[in-house]
Amino acid sequence: SHARAPHLTPEEWHEKLQDGEDLVLFDVRNFYETRIGHFQGGDDTPGVVDCIDPQTLSYEQVPDFLTQESNLTRFKGKTVMMYCTG
């Protein structure tokens, strides 16, 4: 069986974002939902949390995104905070 990540309350989520160190946000919503709104982020900018949008049409495409080594390297050594609408 796979270990599940803990569910965070909004307050806990906000606190982790404030820490921001070695953190990456992984937006697993579909393409349409991410166009409506998303967290702003940067790539390797000090003090700015990296936000990864795999630009998928459905959640079922996320595993394919994660099989690409170039995508995986953005997660290595980081705390990953994943979010979706469901």
C-alpha atoms as a PDB file:
ATOM      1  CA  SER A   1       0.000   0.000   0.000  1.00  0.00           C
ATOM      2  CA  HIS A   2       1.039   3.602  -0.555  1.00  0.00           C
ATOM      3  CA  ALA A   3       1.430   6.122   2.220  1.00  0.00           C
ATOM      4  CA  ARG A   4      -0.968   9.023   2.007  1.00  0.00           C
ATOM      5  CA  ALA A   5       0.142  12.589   2.447  1.00  0.00           C
ATOM      6  CA  PRO A   6      -1.548  14.449   5.300  1.00  0.00           C
ATOM      7  CA  HIS A   7      -4.510  16.669   4.549  1.00  0.00           C
ATOM      8  CA  LEU A   8      -3.817  20.272   5.579  1.00  0.00           C
ATOM      9  CA  THR A   9      -6.296  22.763   6.942  1.00  0.00           C
ATOM     10  CA  PRO A  10      -6.297  26.165   5.214  1.00  0.00           C
ATOM     11  CA  GLU A  11      -4.332  27.540   8.167  1.00  0.00           C
ATOM     12  CA  GLU A  12      -1.701  24.789   7.922  1.00  0.00           C
ATOM     13  CA  TRP A  13      -1.460  25.306   4.141  1.00  0.00           C
ATOM     14  CA  HIS A  14      -0.910  29.042   4.625  1.00  0.00           C
ATOM     15  CA  GLU A  15       1.731  28.418   7.297  1.00  0.00           C
ATOM     16  CA  LYS A  16       3.679  26.042   5.028  1.00  0.00           C
ATOM     17  CA  LEU A  17       3.520  28.572   2.186  1.00  0.00           C
ATOM     18  CA  GLN A  18       4.951  31.227   4.484  1.00  0.00           C
ATOM     19  CA  ASP A  19       7.887  28.950   5.305  1.00  0.00           C
ATOM     20  CA  GLY A  20       8.394  28.396   1.576  1.00  0.00           C
ATOM     21  CA  GLU A  21      11.807  26.784   1.956  1.00  0.00           C
ATOM     22  CA  ASP A  22      12.411  23.852  -0.411  1.00  0.00           C
ATOM     23  CA  LEU A  23       8.746  23.888  -1.368  1.00  0.00           C
ATOM     24  CA  VAL A  24       6.985  23.216  -4.653  1.00  0.00           C
ATOM     25  CA  LEU A  25       3.264  23.515  -5.412  1.00  0.00           C
ATOM     26  CA  PHE A  26       1.914  20.822  -7.732  1.00  0.00           C
ATOM     27  CA  ASP A  27      -1.379  21.836  -9.349  1.00  0.00           C
ATOM     28  CA  VAL A  28      -3.057  18.624 -10.505  1.00  0.00           C
ATOM     29  CA  ARG A  29      -6.250  20.276 -11.716  1.00  0.00           C
ATOM     30  CA  ASN A  30      -7.153  20.076 -15.384  1.00  0.00           C
ATOM     31  CA  PHE A  31      -6.189  22.651 -18.002  1.00  0.00           C
ATOM     32  CA  TYR A  32      -9.531  24.474 -17.824  1.00  0.00           C
ATOM     33  CA  GLU A  33      -9.451  24.822 -14.024  1.00  0.00           C
ATOM     34  CA  THR A  34      -5.889  26.150 -13.966  1.00  0.00           C
ATOM     35  CA  ARG A  35      -6.797  28.845 -16.492  1.00  0.00           C
ATOM     36  CA  ILE A  36      -9.513  30.162 -14.170  1.00  0.00           C
ATOM     37  CA  GLY A  37      -7.017  30.749 -11.369  1.00  0.00           C
ATOM     38  CA  HIS A  38      -3.767  29.488  -9.907  1.00  0.00           C
ATOM     39  CA  PHE A  39      -0.937  30.362  -7.532  1.00  0.00           C
ATOM     40  CA  GLN A  40       1.750  32.612  -8.944  1.00  0.00           C
ATOM     41  CA  GLY A  41       5.228  31.143  -8.741  1.00  0.00           C
ATOM     42  CA  GLY A  42       8.665  31.161 -10.231  1.00  0.00           C
ATOM     43  CA  ASP A  43      11.343  28.767 -11.323  1.00  0.00           C
ATOM     44  CA  ASP A  44      14.405  28.718  -9.062  1.00  0.00           C
ATOM     45  CA  THR A  45      13.830  32.315  -7.947  1.00  0.00           C
ATOM     46  CA  PRO A  46      15.008  32.741  -4.344  1.00  0.00           C
ATOM     47  CA  GLY A  47      12.073  33.370  -2.010  1.00  0.00           C
ATOM     48  CA  VAL A  48       9.482  32.417  -4.644  1.00  0.00           C
ATOM     49  CA  VAL A  49       7.709  29.072  -4.438  1.00  0.00           C
ATOM     50  CA  ASP A  50       7.947  26.985  -7.609  1.00  0.00           C
ATOM     51  CA  CYS A  51       4.502  26.146  -9.028  1.00  0.00           C
ATOM     52  CA  ILE A  52       4.180  23.183 -11.377  1.00  0.00           C
ATOM     53  CA  ASP A  53       1.192  22.869 -13.702  1.00  0.00           C
ATOM     54  CA  PRO A  54       1.346  19.679 -15.803  1.00  0.00           C
ATOM     55  CA  GLN A  55      -1.273  21.170 -18.193  1.00  0.00           C
ATOM     56  CA  THR A  56      -3.361  18.017 -18.321  1.00  0.00           C
ATOM     57  CA  LEU A  57      -6.875  17.498 -19.614  1.00  0.00           C
ATOM     58  CA  SER A  58      -7.658  15.105 -16.752  1.00  0.00           C
ATOM     59  CA  TYR A  59      -6.078  13.814 -13.551  1.00  0.00           C
ATOM     60  CA  GLU A  60      -5.432  10.452 -15.251  1.00  0.00           C
ATOM     61  CA  GLN A  61      -2.646  12.153 -17.269  1.00  0.00           C
ATOM     62  CA  VAL A  62      -0.639  13.157 -14.176  1.00  0.00           C
ATOM     63  CA  PRO A  63       1.252   9.810 -13.919  1.00  0.00           C
ATOM     64  CA  ASP A  64       2.476  10.253 -17.513  1.00  0.00           C
ATOM     65  CA  PHE A  65       3.764  13.714 -16.605  1.00  0.00           C
ATOM     66  CA  LEU A  66       5.663  12.191 -13.688  1.00  0.00           C
ATOM     67  CA  THR A  67       7.373   9.545 -15.821  1.00  0.00           C
ATOM     68  CA  GLN A  68       9.443  12.223 -17.582  1.00  0.00           C
ATOM     69  CA  GLU A  69      12.789  12.746 -15.848  1.00  0.00           C
ATOM     70  CA  SER A  70      12.866  16.459 -16.732  1.00  0.00           C
ATOM     71  CA  ASN A  71       9.621  16.920 -14.796  1.00  0.00           C
ATOM     72  CA  LEU A  72      10.715  14.815 -11.837  1.00  0.00           C
ATOM     73  CA  THR A  73      13.880  16.838 -11.274  1.00  0.00           C
ATOM     74  CA  ARG A  74      11.758  19.846 -10.259  1.00  0.00           C
ATOM     75  CA  PHE A  75      10.455  17.821  -7.289  1.00  0.00           C
ATOM     76  CA  LYS A  76      13.714  16.303  -6.021  1.00  0.00           C
ATOM     77  CA  GLY A  77      14.713  17.396  -2.533  1.00  0.00           C
ATOM     78  CA  LYS A  78      11.542  19.476  -2.120  1.00  0.00           C
ATOM     79  CA  THR A  79       8.434  19.299  -0.006  1.00  0.00           C
ATOM     80  CA  VAL A  80       5.592  18.870  -2.505  1.00  0.00           C
ATOM     81  CA  MET A  81       2.236  20.431  -1.776  1.00  0.00           C
ATOM     82  CA  MET A  82      -0.325  19.055  -4.215  1.00  0.00           C
ATOM     83  CA  TYR A  83      -3.731  20.583  -4.721  1.00  0.00           C
ATOM     84  CA  CYS A  84      -6.862  20.018  -6.787  1.00  0.00           C
ATOM     85  CA  THR A  85     -10.538  20.933  -6.767  1.00  0.00           C
ATOM     86  CA  GLY A  86     -11.835  17.493  -5.750  1.00  0.00           C
END
